[in-house]
Amino acid sequence: MPRNPNKRRCAVPGCKAWAKHGHELCASHLAAQTARAIDRFVVPLLNAADEAVQTPLTESLAFIDRALQNR
């Protein structure tokens, strides 16, 4: 038992590390969770931004015009 009663083990089954202060996961699993979140949310946004930059302006304007006409 730790001297500090507020300490707790990482919530990942089988992990024996201590959870970071204010979190339920240890530093390793917390970093992995953050990396997965970046892959899941940020990378698609970066890819979309890259495609938008590579799309010529005339195509973008034509798409906007079609969307407004279909409205």
PDB file of N, CA and C in Angstrom:
ATOM      1  N   MET A   1       0.850  -1.178   0.000  1.00  0.00           N
ATOM      2  CA  MET A   1       0.000   0.000   0.000  1.00  0.00           C
ATOM      3  C   MET A   1       0.894   1.237   0.000  1.00  0.00           C
ATOM      4  N   PRO A   2       0.601   2.204  -0.889  1.00  0.00           N
ATOM      5  CA  PRO A   2       1.431   3.403  -0.924  1.00  0.00           C
ATOM      6  C   PRO A   2       1.194   4.266   0.313  1.00  0.00           C
ATOM      7  N   ARG A   3       2.184   5.086   0.604  1.00  0.00           N
ATOM      8  CA  ARG A   3       2.033   5.997   1.745  1.00  0.00           C
ATOM      9  C   ARG A   3       0.946   7.023   1.477  1.00  0.00           C
ATOM     10  N   ASN A   4       0.801   7.407   0.225  1.00  0.00           N
ATOM     11  CA  ASN A   4      -0.215   8.369  -0.164  1.00  0.00           C
ATOM     12  C   ASN A   4      -1.498   7.607  -0.526  1.00  0.00           C
ATOM     13  N   PRO A   5      -2.553   7.726   0.250  1.00  0.00           N
ATOM     14  CA  PRO A   5      -3.767   6.963  -0.034  1.00  0.00           C
ATOM     15  C   PRO A   5      -4.503   7.437  -1.287  1.00  0.00           C
ATOM     16  N   ASN A   6      -4.125   8.586  -1.835  1.00  0.00           N
ATOM     17  CA  ASN A   6      -4.771   9.080  -3.048  1.00  0.00           C
ATOM     18  C   ASN A   6      -4.206   8.451  -4.316  1.00  0.00           C
ATOM     19  N   LYS A   7      -3.109   7.722  -4.204  1.00  0.00           N
ATOM     20  CA  LYS A   7      -2.517   7.072  -5.360  1.00  0.00           C
ATOM     21  C   LYS A   7      -3.377   5.882  -5.763  1.00  0.00           C
ATOM     22  N   ARG A   8      -3.377   5.609  -7.063  1.00  0.00           N
ATOM     23  CA  ARG A   8      -4.095   4.426  -7.538  1.00  0.00           C
ATOM     24  C   ARG A   8      -3.366   3.866  -8.746  1.00  0.00           C
ATOM     25  N   ARG A   9      -3.629   2.622  -9.026  1.00  0.00           N
ATOM     26  CA  ARG A   9      -3.016   1.941 -10.158  1.00  0.00           C
ATOM     27  C   ARG A   9      -3.648   2.410 -11.464  1.00  0.00           C
ATOM     28  N   CYS A  10      -2.944   2.205 -12.549  1.00  0.00           N
ATOM     29  CA  CYS A  10      -3.450   2.522 -13.882  1.00  0.00           C
ATOM     30  C   CYS A  10      -4.704   1.692 -14.146  1.00  0.00           C
ATOM     31  N   ALA A  11      -5.669   2.286 -14.839  1.00  0.00           N
ATOM     32  CA  ALA A  11      -6.947   1.620 -15.090  1.00  0.00           C
ATOM     33  C   ALA A  11      -6.868   0.553 -16.180  1.00  0.00           C
ATOM     34  N   VAL A  12      -5.759   0.467 -16.897  1.00  0.00           N
ATOM     35  CA  VAL A  12      -5.610  -0.537 -17.951  1.00  0.00           C
ATOM     36  C   VAL A  12      -5.378  -1.900 -17.296  1.00  0.00           C
ATOM     37  N   PRO A  13      -6.191  -2.898 -17.658  1.00  0.00           N
ATOM     38  CA  PRO A  13      -6.025  -4.226 -17.050  1.00  0.00           C
ATOM     39  C   PRO A  13      -4.618  -4.771 -17.265  1.00  0.00           C
ATOM     40  N   GLY A  14      -4.025  -5.254 -16.223  1.00  0.00           N
ATOM     41  CA  GLY A  14      -2.694  -5.843 -16.280  1.00  0.00           C
ATOM     42  C   GLY A  14      -1.558  -4.862 -16.091  1.00  0.00           C
ATOM     43  N   CYS A  15      -1.820  -3.578 -16.138  1.00  0.00           N
ATOM     44  CA  CYS A  15      -0.774  -2.569 -15.962  1.00  0.00           C
ATOM     45  C   CYS A  15      -0.522  -2.395 -14.467  1.00  0.00           C
ATOM     46  N   LYS A  16       0.752  -2.392 -14.078  1.00  0.00           N
ATOM     47  CA  LYS A  16       1.098  -2.268 -12.663  1.00  0.00           C
ATOM     48  C   LYS A  16       1.647  -0.893 -12.308  1.00  0.00           C
ATOM     49  N   ALA A  17       1.632   0.027 -13.274  1.00  0.00           N
ATOM     50  CA  ALA A  17       2.157   1.366 -13.031  1.00  0.00           C
ATOM     51  C   ALA A  17       1.134   2.201 -12.270  1.00  0.00           C
ATOM     52  N   TRP A  18       1.612   3.281 -11.676  1.00  0.00           N
ATOM     53  CA  TRP A  18       0.729   4.195 -10.956  1.00  0.00           C
ATOM     54  C   TRP A  18       0.126   5.198 -11.929  1.00  0.00           C
ATOM     55  N   ALA A  19      -1.111   5.555 -11.714  1.00  0.00           N
ATOM     56  CA  ALA A  19      -1.777   6.554 -12.549  1.00  0.00           C
ATOM     57  C   ALA A  19      -1.173   7.922 -12.279  1.00  0.00           C
ATOM     58  N   LYS A  20      -1.166   8.752 -13.323  1.00  0.00           N
ATOM     59  CA  LYS A  20      -0.680  10.121 -13.150  1.00  0.00           C
ATOM     60  C   LYS A  20      -1.661  10.885 -12.278  1.00  0.00           C
ATOM     61  N   HIS A  21      -1.169  11.898 -11.593  1.00  0.00           N
ATOM     62  CA  HIS A  21      -1.999  12.706 -10.707  1.00  0.00           C
ATOM     63  C   HIS A  21      -3.153  13.337 -11.487  1.00  0.00           C
ATOM     64  N   GLY A  22      -4.360  13.095 -11.055  1.00  0.00           N
ATOM     65  CA  GLY A  22      -5.535  13.660 -11.700  1.00  0.00           C
ATOM     66  C   GLY A  22      -6.051  12.862 -12.883  1.00  0.00           C
ATOM     67  N   HIS A  23      -5.424  11.718 -13.168  1.00  0.00           N
ATOM     68  CA  HIS A  23      -5.825  10.875 -14.301  1.00  0.00           C
ATOM     69  C   HIS A  23      -6.069   9.454 -13.816  1.00  0.00           C
ATOM     70  N   GLU A  24      -6.661   8.655 -14.693  1.00  0.00           N
ATOM     71  CA  GLU A  24      -6.879   7.246 -14.370  1.00  0.00           C
ATOM     72  C   GLU A  24      -5.847   6.339 -15.022  1.00  0.00           C
ATOM     73  N   LEU A  25      -4.998   6.917 -15.895  1.00  0.00           N
ATOM     74  CA  LEU A  25      -4.013   6.127 -16.624  1.00  0.00           C
ATOM     75  C   LEU A  25      -2.596   6.533 -16.240  1.00  0.00           C
ATOM     76  N   CYS A  26      -1.672   5.595 -16.448  1.00  0.00           N
ATOM     77  CA  CYS A  26      -0.256   5.893 -16.213  1.00  0.00           C
ATOM     78  C   CYS A  26       0.256   6.755 -17.368  1.00  0.00           C
ATOM     79  N   ALA A  27       1.452   7.249 -17.269  1.00  0.00           N
ATOM     80  CA  ALA A  27       2.015   8.144 -18.282  1.00  0.00           C
ATOM     81  C   ALA A  27       2.084   7.465 -19.649  1.00  0.00           C
ATOM     82  N   SER A  28       2.459   6.199 -19.675  1.00  0.00           N
ATOM     83  CA  SER A  28       2.585   5.483 -20.945  1.00  0.00           C
ATOM     84  C   SER A  28       1.242   5.336 -21.648  1.00  0.00           C
ATOM     85  N   HIS A  29       0.240   4.885 -20.920  1.00  0.00           N
ATOM     86  CA  HIS A  29      -1.074   4.689 -21.533  1.00  0.00           C
ATOM     87  C   HIS A  29      -1.755   6.018 -21.837  1.00  0.00           C
ATOM     88  N   LEU A  30      -1.481   7.035 -21.065  1.00  0.00           N
ATOM     89  CA  LEU A  30      -2.041   8.361 -21.322  1.00  0.00           C
ATOM     90  C   LEU A  30      -1.469   8.929 -22.620  1.00  0.00           C
ATOM     91  N   ALA A  31      -0.169   8.737 -22.851  1.00  0.00           N
ATOM     92  CA  ALA A  31       0.469   9.201 -24.088  1.00  0.00           C
ATOM     93  C   ALA A  31      -0.069   8.442 -25.294  1.00  0.00           C
ATOM     94  N   ALA A  32      -0.273   7.137 -25.139  1.00  0.00           N
ATOM     95  CA  ALA A  32      -0.814   6.334 -26.235  1.00  0.00           C
ATOM     96  C   ALA A  32      -2.238   6.771 -26.568  1.00  0.00           C
ATOM     97  N   GLN A  33      -3.018   7.085 -25.555  1.00  0.00           N
ATOM     98  CA  GLN A  33      -4.392   7.541 -25.766  1.00  0.00           C
ATOM     99  C   GLN A  33      -4.393   8.884 -26.502  1.00  0.00           C
ATOM    100  N   THR A  34      -3.486   9.764 -26.141  1.00  0.00           N
ATOM    101  CA  THR A  34      -3.377  11.066 -26.799  1.00  0.00           C
ATOM    102  C   THR A  34      -2.963  10.895 -28.257  1.00  0.00           C
ATOM    103  N   ALA A  35      -2.024   9.990 -28.511  1.00  0.00           N
ATOM    104  CA  ALA A  35      -1.576   9.748 -29.888  1.00  0.00           C
ATOM    105  C   ALA A  35      -2.713   9.203 -30.733  1.00  0.00           C
ATOM    106  N   ARG A  36      -3.515   8.304 -30.174  1.00  0.00           N
ATOM    107  CA  ARG A  36      -4.665   7.773 -30.916  1.00  0.00           C
ATOM    108  C   ARG A  36      -5.671   8.873 -31.215  1.00  0.00           C
ATOM    109  N   ALA A  37      -5.887   9.779 -30.282  1.00  0.00           N
ATOM    110  CA  ALA A  37      -6.823  10.885 -30.494  1.00  0.00           C
ATOM    111  C   ALA A  37      -6.320  11.802 -31.603  1.00  0.00           C
ATOM    112  N   ILE A  38      -5.028  12.049 -31.646  1.00  0.00           N
ATOM    113  CA  ILE A  38      -4.455  12.887 -32.702  1.00  0.00           C
ATOM    114  C   ILE A  38      -4.641  12.200 -34.052  1.00  0.00           C
ATOM    115  N   ASP A  39      -4.356  10.894 -34.113  1.00  0.00           N
ATOM    116  CA  ASP A  39      -4.532  10.159 -35.360  1.00  0.00           C
ATOM    117  C   ASP A  39      -5.990  10.170 -35.810  1.00  0.00           C
ATOM    118  N   ARG A  40      -6.883  10.131 -34.866  1.00  0.00           N
ATOM    119  CA  ARG A  40      -8.303  10.008 -35.186  1.00  0.00           C
ATOM    120  C   ARG A  40      -8.927  11.340 -35.616  1.00  0.00           C
ATOM    121  N   PHE A  41      -8.515  12.436 -35.024  1.00  0.00           N
ATOM    122  CA  PHE A  41      -9.170  13.716 -35.274  1.00  0.00           C
ATOM    123  C   PHE A  41      -8.321  14.717 -36.052  1.00  0.00           C
ATOM    124  N   VAL A  42      -7.062  14.837 -35.725  1.00  0.00           N
ATOM    125  CA  VAL A  42      -6.240  15.889 -36.318  1.00  0.00           C
ATOM    126  C   VAL A  42      -5.738  15.517 -37.706  1.00  0.00           C
ATOM    127  N   VAL A  43      -5.322  14.280 -37.892  1.00  0.00           N
ATOM    128  CA  VAL A  43      -4.769  13.872 -39.187  1.00  0.00           C
ATOM    129  C   VAL A  43      -5.799  14.026 -40.315  1.00  0.00           C
ATOM    130  N   PRO A  44      -7.066  13.603 -40.147  1.00  0.00           N
ATOM    131  CA  PRO A  44      -8.030  13.845 -41.227  1.00  0.00           C
ATOM    132  C   PRO A  44      -8.214  15.333 -41.544  1.00  0.00           C
ATOM    133  N   LEU A  45      -8.166  16.183 -40.526  1.00  0.00           N
ATOM    134  CA  LEU A  45      -8.279  17.621 -40.770  1.00  0.00           C
ATOM    135  C   LEU A  45      -7.088  18.146 -41.565  1.00  0.00           C
ATOM    136  N   LEU A  46      -5.898  17.670 -41.235  1.00  0.00           N
ATOM    137  CA  LEU A  46      -4.710  18.082 -41.974  1.00  0.00           C
ATOM    138  C   LEU A  46      -4.765  17.600 -43.419  1.00  0.00           C
ATOM    139  N   ASN A  47      -5.244  16.376 -43.621  1.00  0.00           N
ATOM    140  CA  ASN A  47      -5.375  15.850 -44.980  1.00  0.00           C
ATOM    141  C   ASN A  47      -6.386  16.667 -45.780  1.00  0.00           C
ATOM    142  N   ALA A  48      -7.509  17.015 -45.166  1.00  0.00           N
ATOM    143  CA  ALA A  48      -8.525  17.819 -45.855  1.00  0.00           C
ATOM    144  C   ALA A  48      -7.970  19.201 -46.202  1.00  0.00           C
ATOM    145  N   ALA A  49      -7.212  19.781 -45.299  1.00  0.00           N
ATOM    146  CA  ALA A  49      -6.617  21.090 -45.566  1.00  0.00           C
ATOM    147  C   ALA A  49      -5.611  21.000 -46.712  1.00  0.00           C
ATOM    148  N   ASP A  50      -4.853  19.919 -46.750  1.00  0.00           N
ATOM    149  CA  ASP A  50      -3.884  19.729 -47.818  1.00  0.00           C
ATOM    150  C   ASP A  50      -4.587  19.581 -49.165  1.00  0.00           C
ATOM    151  N   GLU A  51      -5.693  18.827 -49.191  1.00  0.00           N
ATOM    152  CA  GLU A  51      -6.458  18.665 -50.426  1.00  0.00           C
ATOM    153  C   GLU A  51      -7.070  19.994 -50.861  1.00  0.00           C
ATOM    154  N   ALA A  52      -7.517  20.779 -49.905  1.00  0.00           N
ATOM    155  CA  ALA A  52      -8.115  22.068 -50.229  1.00  0.00           C
ATOM    156  C   ALA A  52      -7.082  23.006 -50.848  1.00  0.00           C
ATOM    157  N   VAL A  53      -5.867  22.941 -50.386  1.00  0.00           N
ATOM    158  CA  VAL A  53      -4.807  23.797 -50.928  1.00  0.00           C
ATOM    159  C   VAL A  53      -4.450  23.359 -52.343  1.00  0.00           C
ATOM    160  N   GLN A  54      -4.505  22.056 -52.595  1.00  0.00           N
ATOM    161  CA  GLN A  54      -4.133  21.547 -53.912  1.00  0.00           C
ATOM    162  C   GLN A  54      -5.251  21.692 -54.935  1.00  0.00           C
ATOM    163  N   THR A  55      -6.488  21.915 -54.496  1.00  0.00           N
ATOM    164  CA  THR A  55      -7.613  22.082 -55.412  1.00  0.00           C
ATOM    165  C   THR A  55      -7.568  23.487 -56.005  1.00  0.00           C
ATOM    166  N   PRO A  56      -7.633  23.579 -57.331  1.00  0.00           N
ATOM    167  CA  PRO A  56      -7.640  24.914 -57.944  1.00  0.00           C
ATOM    168  C   PRO A  56      -8.868  25.718 -57.507  1.00  0.00           C
ATOM    169  N   LEU A  57      -8.719  27.012 -57.458  1.00  0.00           N
ATOM    170  CA  LEU A  57      -9.768  27.892 -56.985  1.00  0.00           C
ATOM    171  C   LEU A  57     -11.020  27.799 -57.852  1.00  0.00           C
ATOM    172  N   THR A  58     -10.846  27.623 -59.149  1.00  0.00           N
ATOM    173  CA  THR A  58     -12.013  27.561 -60.041  1.00  0.00           C
ATOM    174  C   THR A  58     -12.875  26.345 -59.725  1.00  0.00           C
ATOM    175  N   GLU A  59     -12.268  25.224 -59.389  1.00  0.00           N
ATOM    176  CA  GLU A  59     -13.035  24.037 -59.011  1.00  0.00           C
ATOM    177  C   GLU A  59     -13.791  24.282 -57.711  1.00  0.00           C
ATOM    178  N   SER A  60     -13.155  24.944 -56.773  1.00  0.00           N
ATOM    179  CA  SER A  60     -13.799  25.234 -55.500  1.00  0.00           C
ATOM    180  C   SER A  60     -14.999  26.148 -55.696  1.00  0.00           C
ATOM    181  N   LEU A  61     -14.835  27.160 -56.538  1.00  0.00           N
ATOM    182  CA  LEU A  61     -15.935  28.087 -56.796  1.00  0.00           C
ATOM    183  C   LEU A  61     -17.081  27.386 -57.518  1.00  0.00           C
ATOM    184  N   ALA A  62     -16.758  26.490 -58.444  1.00  0.00           N
ATOM    185  CA  ALA A  62     -17.800  25.742 -59.153  1.00  0.00           C
ATOM    186  C   ALA A  62     -18.557  24.849 -58.182  1.00  0.00           C
ATOM    187  N   PHE A  63     -17.857  24.247 -57.252  1.00  0.00           N
ATOM    188  CA  PHE A  63     -18.504  23.401 -56.252  1.00  0.00           C
ATOM    189  C   PHE A  63     -19.455  24.225 -55.381  1.00  0.00           C
ATOM    190  N   ILE A  64     -19.019  25.404 -54.994  1.00  0.00           N
ATOM    191  CA  ILE A  64     -19.854  26.276 -54.165  1.00  0.00           C
ATOM    192  C   ILE A  64     -21.101  26.705 -54.944  1.00  0.00           C
ATOM    193  N   ASP A  65     -20.916  27.032 -56.214  1.00  0.00           N
ATOM    194  CA  ASP A  65     -22.052  27.422 -57.055  1.00  0.00           C
ATOM    195  C   ASP A  65     -23.068  26.285 -57.181  1.00  0.00           C
ATOM    196  N   ARG A  66     -22.583  25.073 -57.411  1.00  0.00           N
ATOM    197  CA  ARG A  66     -23.489  23.912 -57.509  1.00  0.00           C
ATOM    198  C   ARG A  66     -24.225  23.687 -56.207  1.00  0.00           C
ATOM    199  N   ALA A  67     -23.530  23.828 -55.084  1.00  0.00           N
ATOM    200  CA  ALA A  67     -24.158  23.620 -53.786  1.00  0.00           C
ATOM    201  C   ALA A  67     -25.247  24.662 -53.538  1.00  0.00           C
ATOM    202  N   LEU A  68     -25.005  25.896 -53.944  1.00  0.00           N
ATOM    203  CA  LEU A  68     -25.999  26.944 -53.762  1.00  0.00           C
ATOM    204  C   LEU A  68     -27.204  26.735 -54.680  1.00  0.00           C
ATOM    205  N   GLN A  69     -26.980  26.233 -55.889  1.00  0.00           N
ATOM    206  CA  GLN A  69     -28.070  25.982 -56.812  1.00  0.00           C
ATOM    207  C   GLN A  69     -28.933  24.805 -56.352  1.00  0.00           C
ATOM    208  N   ASN A  70     -28.328  23.806 -55.738  1.00  0.00           N
ATOM    209  CA  ASN A  70     -29.066  22.628 -55.266  1.00  0.00           C
ATOM    210  C   ASN A  70     -29.823  22.906 -53.980  1.00  0.00           C
ATOM    211  N   ARG A  71     -29.597  24.011 -53.406  1.00  0.00           N
ATOM    212  CA  ARG A  71     -30.211  24.373 -52.136  1.00  0.00           C
ATOM    213  C   ARG A  71     -31.614  24.705 -52.313  1.00  0.00           C
TER     214      ARG A  71
END
